[in-house]
Amino acid sequence: MIVRDDEYLDFSKVPESRGVPPGLYRVVAVGIVIIFLIGAAVVMMSGYGHHWPAATTLRVPLKNDQ
């Protein structure tokens, strides 16, 4: 089969990247903020339902006499 010269693909050049899309920076920034917000929520809620060592801890009944 005879193929014309202009139908061959040119593999002599390496493709150039167009760079990182500007929206990607925003998505990464929002993701990092969300990670820190979740971490702050975990730290703030870590004391919920716990009796930390204190003077009032001694008054917590440890067995149920019913």
PDB file of N, CA and C in Angstrom:
ATOM      1  N   MET A   1       0.839  -1.157   0.000  1.00  0.00           N
ATOM      2  CA  MET A   1       0.000   0.000   0.000  1.00  0.00           C
ATOM      3  C   MET A   1       0.895   1.234   0.000  1.00  0.00           C
ATOM      4  N   ILE A   2       0.566   2.167  -0.795  1.00  0.00           N
ATOM      5  CA  ILE A   2       1.343   3.401  -0.889  1.00  0.00           C
ATOM      6  C   ILE A   2       0.664   4.466  -0.025  1.00  0.00           C
ATOM      7  N   VAL A   3       1.476   5.079   0.877  1.00  0.00           N
ATOM      8  CA  VAL A   3       0.953   6.094   1.790  1.00  0.00           C
ATOM      9  C   VAL A   3       1.694   7.387   1.519  1.00  0.00           C
ATOM     10  N   ARG A   4       0.936   8.475   1.514  1.00  0.00           N
ATOM     11  CA  ARG A   4       1.562   9.780   1.271  1.00  0.00           C
ATOM     12  C   ARG A   4       2.415  10.179   2.469  1.00  0.00           C
ATOM     13  N   ASP A   5       3.394  11.037   2.238  1.00  0.00           N
ATOM     14  CA  ASP A   5       4.302  11.476   3.299  1.00  0.00           C
ATOM     15  C   ASP A   5       3.588  12.272   4.391  1.00  0.00           C
ATOM     16  N   ASP A   6       2.540  13.017   4.077  1.00  0.00           N
ATOM     17  CA  ASP A   6       1.874  13.849   5.080  1.00  0.00           C
ATOM     18  C   ASP A   6       0.924  13.044   5.973  1.00  0.00           C
ATOM     19  N   GLU A   7       0.752  11.757   5.703  1.00  0.00           N
ATOM     20  CA  GLU A   7      -0.114  10.925   6.529  1.00  0.00           C
ATOM     21  C   GLU A   7       0.644  10.228   7.661  1.00  0.00           C
ATOM     22  N   TYR A   8       1.961  10.290   7.676  1.00  0.00           N
ATOM     23  CA  TYR A   8       2.744   9.669   8.730  1.00  0.00           C
ATOM     24  C   TYR A   8       2.699  10.543   9.991  1.00  0.00           C
ATOM     25  N   LEU A   9       2.668   9.884  11.135  1.00  0.00           N
ATOM     26  CA  LEU A   9       2.717  10.626  12.390  1.00  0.00           C
ATOM     27  C   LEU A   9       4.142  11.044  12.686  1.00  0.00           C
ATOM     28  N   ASP A  10       4.298  12.231  13.250  1.00  0.00           N
ATOM     29  CA  ASP A  10       5.619  12.770  13.548  1.00  0.00           C
ATOM     30  C   ASP A  10       5.959  12.481  15.014  1.00  0.00           C
ATOM     31  N   PHE A  11       6.856  11.531  15.253  1.00  0.00           N
ATOM     32  CA  PHE A  11       7.280  11.174  16.591  1.00  0.00           C
ATOM     33  C   PHE A  11       8.661  11.744  16.910  1.00  0.00           C
ATOM     34  N   SER A  12       9.099  12.742  16.195  1.00  0.00           N
ATOM     35  CA  SER A  12      10.435  13.290  16.407  1.00  0.00           C
ATOM     36  C   SER A  12      10.476  14.294  17.560  1.00  0.00           C
ATOM     37  N   LYS A  13       9.323  14.792  18.026  1.00  0.00           N
ATOM     38  CA  LYS A  13       9.287  15.775  19.106  1.00  0.00           C
ATOM     39  C   LYS A  13       8.578  15.183  20.325  1.00  0.00           C
ATOM     40  N   VAL A  14       9.058  15.573  21.498  1.00  0.00           N
ATOM     41  CA  VAL A  14       8.427  15.161  22.748  1.00  0.00           C
ATOM     42  C   VAL A  14       7.274  16.134  23.029  1.00  0.00           C
ATOM     43  N   PRO A  15       6.105  15.628  23.397  1.00  0.00           N
ATOM     44  CA  PRO A  15       4.989  16.533  23.684  1.00  0.00           C
ATOM     45  C   PRO A  15       5.296  17.438  24.871  1.00  0.00           C
ATOM     46  N   GLU A  16       4.829  18.663  24.804  1.00  0.00           N
ATOM     47  CA  GLU A  16       5.046  19.627  25.879  1.00  0.00           C
ATOM     48  C   GLU A  16       3.792  19.706  26.745  1.00  0.00           C
ATOM     49  N   SER A  17       4.019  19.788  28.050  1.00  0.00           N
ATOM     50  CA  SER A  17       2.907  19.909  28.984  1.00  0.00           C
ATOM     51  C   SER A  17       2.365  21.328  28.973  1.00  0.00           C
ATOM     52  N   ARG A  18       1.061  21.435  29.177  1.00  0.00           N
ATOM     53  CA  ARG A  18       0.453  22.761  29.275  1.00  0.00           C
ATOM     54  C   ARG A  18       0.478  23.261  30.713  1.00  0.00           C
ATOM     55  N   GLY A  19       1.057  22.501  31.616  1.00  0.00           N
ATOM     56  CA  GLY A  19       1.174  22.930  33.009  1.00  0.00           C
ATOM     57  C   GLY A  19       0.015  22.460  33.856  1.00  0.00           C
ATOM     58  N   VAL A  20       0.012  22.933  35.090  1.00  0.00           N
ATOM     59  CA  VAL A  20      -1.031  22.565  36.044  1.00  0.00           C
ATOM     60  C   VAL A  20      -2.201  23.523  35.862  1.00  0.00           C
ATOM     61  N   PRO A  21      -3.423  22.999  35.769  1.00  0.00           N
ATOM     62  CA  PRO A  21      -4.579  23.889  35.625  1.00  0.00           C
ATOM     63  C   PRO A  21      -4.760  24.758  36.867  1.00  0.00           C
ATOM     64  N   PRO A  22      -5.160  26.010  36.704  1.00  0.00           N
ATOM     65  CA  PRO A  22      -5.311  26.913  37.857  1.00  0.00           C
ATOM     66  C   PRO A  22      -6.336  26.406  38.880  1.00  0.00           C
ATOM     67  N   GLY A  23      -7.351  25.720  38.432  1.00  0.00           N
ATOM     68  CA  GLY A  23      -8.363  25.205  39.357  1.00  0.00           C
ATOM     69  C   GLY A  23      -7.828  24.159  40.301  1.00  0.00           C
ATOM     70  N   LEU A  24      -6.771  23.473  39.908  1.00  0.00           N
ATOM     71  CA  LEU A  24      -6.194  22.434  40.755  1.00  0.00           C
ATOM     72  C   LEU A  24      -5.608  23.022  42.032  1.00  0.00           C
ATOM     73  N   TYR A  25      -5.020  24.220  41.949  1.00  0.00           N
ATOM     74  CA  TYR A  25      -4.482  24.878  43.134  1.00  0.00           C
ATOM     75  C   TYR A  25      -5.597  25.176  44.129  1.00  0.00           C
ATOM     76  N   ARG A  26      -6.744  25.603  43.640  1.00  0.00           N
ATOM     77  CA  ARG A  26      -7.874  25.885  44.522  1.00  0.00           C
ATOM     78  C   ARG A  26      -8.375  24.605  45.187  1.00  0.00           C
ATOM     79  N   VAL A  27      -8.466  23.532  44.422  1.00  0.00           N
ATOM     80  CA  VAL A  27      -8.944  22.263  44.973  1.00  0.00           C
ATOM     81  C   VAL A  27      -7.993  21.757  46.053  1.00  0.00           C
ATOM     82  N   VAL A  28      -6.698  21.857  45.824  1.00  0.00           N
ATOM     83  CA  VAL A  28      -5.710  21.426  46.815  1.00  0.00           C
ATOM     84  C   VAL A  28      -5.804  22.296  48.067  1.00  0.00           C
ATOM     85  N   ALA A  29      -5.947  23.605  47.902  1.00  0.00           N
ATOM     86  CA  ALA A  29      -6.045  24.515  49.057  1.00  0.00           C
ATOM     87  C   ALA A  29      -7.291  24.199  49.878  1.00  0.00           C
ATOM     88  N   VAL A  30      -8.417  23.985  49.222  1.00  0.00           N
ATOM     89  CA  VAL A  30      -9.661  23.653  49.937  1.00  0.00           C
ATOM     90  C   VAL A  30      -9.503  22.314  50.650  1.00  0.00           C
ATOM     91  N   GLY A  31      -8.866  21.338  50.016  1.00  0.00           N
ATOM     92  CA  GLY A  31      -8.650  20.039  50.641  1.00  0.00           C
ATOM     93  C   GLY A  31      -7.799  20.139  51.895  1.00  0.00           C
ATOM     94  N   ILE A  32      -6.751  20.945  51.855  1.00  0.00           N
ATOM     95  CA  ILE A  32      -5.887  21.114  53.025  1.00  0.00           C
ATOM     96  C   ILE A  32      -6.651  21.797  54.158  1.00  0.00           C
ATOM     97  N   VAL A  33      -7.458  22.801  53.821  1.00  0.00           N
ATOM     98  CA  VAL A  33      -8.271  23.476  54.847  1.00  0.00           C
ATOM     99  C   VAL A  33      -9.246  22.487  55.482  1.00  0.00           C
ATOM    100  N   ILE A  34      -9.864  21.641  54.677  1.00  0.00           N
ATOM    101  CA  ILE A  34     -10.807  20.656  55.201  1.00  0.00           C
ATOM    102  C   ILE A  34     -10.095  19.663  56.118  1.00  0.00           C
ATOM    103  N   ILE A  35      -8.899  19.242  55.753  1.00  0.00           N
ATOM    104  CA  ILE A  35      -8.128  18.325  56.604  1.00  0.00           C
ATOM    105  C   ILE A  35      -7.875  18.948  57.973  1.00  0.00           C
ATOM    106  N   PHE A  36      -7.477  20.228  57.999  1.00  0.00           N
ATOM    107  CA  PHE A  36      -7.223  20.882  59.273  1.00  0.00           C
ATOM    108  C   PHE A  36      -8.513  21.104  60.064  1.00  0.00           C
ATOM    109  N   LEU A  37      -9.626  21.377  59.384  1.00  0.00           N
ATOM    110  CA  LEU A  37     -10.908  21.527  60.079  1.00  0.00           C
ATOM    111  C   LEU A  37     -11.343  20.210  60.723  1.00  0.00           C
ATOM    112  N   ILE A  38     -11.166  19.105  60.022  1.00  0.00           N
ATOM    113  CA  ILE A  38     -11.510  17.804  60.596  1.00  0.00           C
ATOM    114  C   ILE A  38     -10.608  17.508  61.791  1.00  0.00           C
ATOM    115  N   GLY A  39      -9.325  17.803  61.688  1.00  0.00           N
ATOM    116  CA  GLY A  39      -8.412  17.609  62.812  1.00  0.00           C
ATOM    117  C   GLY A  39      -8.799  18.457  64.014  1.00  0.00           C
ATOM    118  N   ALA A  40      -9.190  19.714  63.777  1.00  0.00           N
ATOM    119  CA  ALA A  40      -9.617  20.584  64.873  1.00  0.00           C
ATOM    120  C   ALA A  40     -10.889  20.048  65.517  1.00  0.00           C
ATOM    121  N   ALA A  41     -11.813  19.549  64.718  1.00  0.00           N
ATOM    122  CA  ALA A  41     -13.049  18.984  65.268  1.00  0.00           C
ATOM    123  C   ALA A  41     -12.754  17.749  66.116  1.00  0.00           C
ATOM    124  N   VAL A  42     -11.831  16.923  65.683  1.00  0.00           N
ATOM    125  CA  VAL A  42     -11.465  15.733  66.455  1.00  0.00           C
ATOM    126  C   VAL A  42     -10.851  16.137  67.789  1.00  0.00           C
ATOM    127  N   VAL A  43      -9.969  17.114  67.778  1.00  0.00           N
ATOM    128  CA  VAL A  43      -9.329  17.560  69.020  1.00  0.00           C
ATOM    129  C   VAL A  43     -10.363  18.184  69.954  1.00  0.00           C
ATOM    130  N   MET A  44     -11.282  18.980  69.414  1.00  0.00           N
ATOM    131  CA  MET A  44     -12.286  19.629  70.248  1.00  0.00           C
ATOM    132  C   MET A  44     -13.279  18.631  70.838  1.00  0.00           C
ATOM    133  N   MET A  45     -13.595  17.577  70.117  1.00  0.00           N
ATOM    134  CA  MET A  45     -14.574  16.601  70.587  1.00  0.00           C
ATOM    135  C   MET A  45     -13.943  15.450  71.367  1.00  0.00           C
ATOM    136  N   SER A  46     -12.632  15.447  71.524  1.00  0.00           N
ATOM    137  CA  SER A  46     -11.969  14.309  72.172  1.00  0.00           C
ATOM    138  C   SER A  46     -12.315  14.187  73.644  1.00  0.00           C
ATOM    139  N   GLY A  47     -12.712  15.258  74.290  1.00  0.00           N
ATOM    140  CA  GLY A  47     -13.049  15.204  75.702  1.00  0.00           C
ATOM    141  C   GLY A  47     -14.489  14.826  75.976  1.00  0.00           C
ATOM    142  N   TYR A  48     -15.311  14.744  74.955  1.00  0.00           N
ATOM    143  CA  TYR A  48     -16.724  14.441  75.149  1.00  0.00           C
ATOM    144  C   TYR A  48     -16.903  13.016  75.656  1.00  0.00           C
ATOM    145  N   GLY A  49     -17.570  12.873  76.814  1.00  0.00           N
ATOM    146  CA  GLY A  49     -17.858  11.558  77.367  1.00  0.00           C
ATOM    147  C   GLY A  49     -16.719  10.936  78.145  1.00  0.00           C
ATOM    148  N   HIS A  50     -15.635  11.652  78.355  1.00  0.00           N
ATOM    149  CA  HIS A  50     -14.500  11.114  79.102  1.00  0.00           C
ATOM    150  C   HIS A  50     -14.407  11.798  80.460  1.00  0.00           C
ATOM    151  N   HIS A  51     -13.960  11.058  81.451  1.00  0.00           N
ATOM    152  CA  HIS A  51     -13.687  11.621  82.773  1.00  0.00           C
ATOM    153  C   HIS A  51     -12.177  11.705  82.917  1.00  0.00           C
ATOM    154  N   TRP A  52     -11.669  12.901  82.762  1.00  0.00           N
ATOM    155  CA  TRP A  52     -10.229  13.089  82.848  1.00  0.00           C
ATOM    156  C   TRP A  52      -9.803  13.056  84.307  1.00  0.00           C
ATOM    157  N   PRO A  53      -8.589  12.691  84.596  1.00  0.00           N
ATOM    158  CA  PRO A  53      -8.127  12.650  85.992  1.00  0.00           C
ATOM    159  C   PRO A  53      -8.291  14.019  86.662  1.00  0.00           C
ATOM    160  N   ALA A  54      -9.186  14.050  87.630  1.00  0.00           N
ATOM    161  CA  ALA A  54      -9.442  15.278  88.375  1.00  0.00           C
ATOM    162  C   ALA A  54     -10.052  14.887  89.712  1.00  0.00           C
ATOM    163  N   ALA A  55     -10.306  15.856  90.556  1.00  0.00           N
ATOM    164  CA  ALA A  55     -10.896  15.591  91.865  1.00  0.00           C
ATOM    165  C   ALA A  55     -12.304  15.024  91.720  1.00  0.00           C
ATOM    166  N   THR A  56     -13.035  15.422  90.697  1.00  0.00           N
ATOM    167  CA  THR A  56     -14.397  14.930  90.507  1.00  0.00           C
ATOM    168  C   THR A  56     -14.424  13.503  89.963  1.00  0.00           C
ATOM    169  N   THR A  57     -13.310  13.025  89.464  1.00  0.00           N
ATOM    170  CA  THR A  57     -13.274  11.672  88.920  1.00  0.00           C
ATOM    171  C   THR A  57     -13.481  10.625  90.003  1.00  0.00           C
ATOM    172  N   LEU A  58     -13.065  10.926  91.214  1.00  0.00           N
ATOM    173  CA  LEU A  58     -13.197   9.972  92.305  1.00  0.00           C
ATOM    174  C   LEU A  58     -14.653   9.733  92.681  1.00  0.00           C
ATOM    175  N   ARG A  59     -15.553  10.625  92.313  1.00  0.00           N
ATOM    176  CA  ARG A  59     -16.962  10.493  92.671  1.00  0.00           C
ATOM    177  C   ARG A  59     -17.771   9.739  91.630  1.00  0.00           C
ATOM    178  N   VAL A  60     -17.149   9.258  90.584  1.00  0.00           N
ATOM    179  CA  VAL A  60     -17.864   8.524  89.544  1.00  0.00           C
ATOM    180  C   VAL A  60     -18.074   7.096  90.020  1.00  0.00           C
ATOM    181  N   PRO A  61     -19.348   6.627  90.117  1.00  0.00           N
ATOM    182  CA  PRO A  61     -19.574   5.248  90.546  1.00  0.00           C
ATOM    183  C   PRO A  61     -19.061   4.267  89.508  1.00  0.00           C
ATOM    184  N   LEU A  62     -18.281   3.276  89.968  1.00  0.00           N
ATOM    185  CA  LEU A  62     -17.706   2.331  89.041  1.00  0.00           C
ATOM    186  C   LEU A  62     -18.516   1.043  88.937  1.00  0.00           C
ATOM    187  N   LYS A  63     -19.424   0.780  89.888  1.00  0.00           N
ATOM    188  CA  LYS A  63     -20.266  -0.396  89.764  1.00  0.00           C
ATOM    189  C   LYS A  63     -21.704  -0.011  90.009  1.00  0.00           C
ATOM    190  N   ASN A  64     -22.589  -0.793  89.470  1.00  0.00           N
ATOM    191  CA  ASN A  64     -23.999  -0.487  89.513  1.00  0.00           C
ATOM    192  C   ASN A  64     -24.672  -1.430  90.521  1.00  0.00           C
ATOM    193  N   ASP A  65     -25.137  -0.904  91.660  1.00  0.00           N
ATOM    194  CA  ASP A  65     -25.808  -1.714  92.680  1.00  0.00           C
ATOM    195  C   ASP A  65     -27.320  -1.536  92.557  1.00  0.00           C
ATOM    196  N   GLN A  66     -27.943  -2.334  91.734  1.00  0.00           N
ATOM    197  CA  GLN A  66     -29.400  -2.253  91.573  1.00  0.00           C
ATOM    198  C   GLN A  66     -30.044  -3.542  91.863  1.00  0.00           C
TER     199      GLN A  66
END
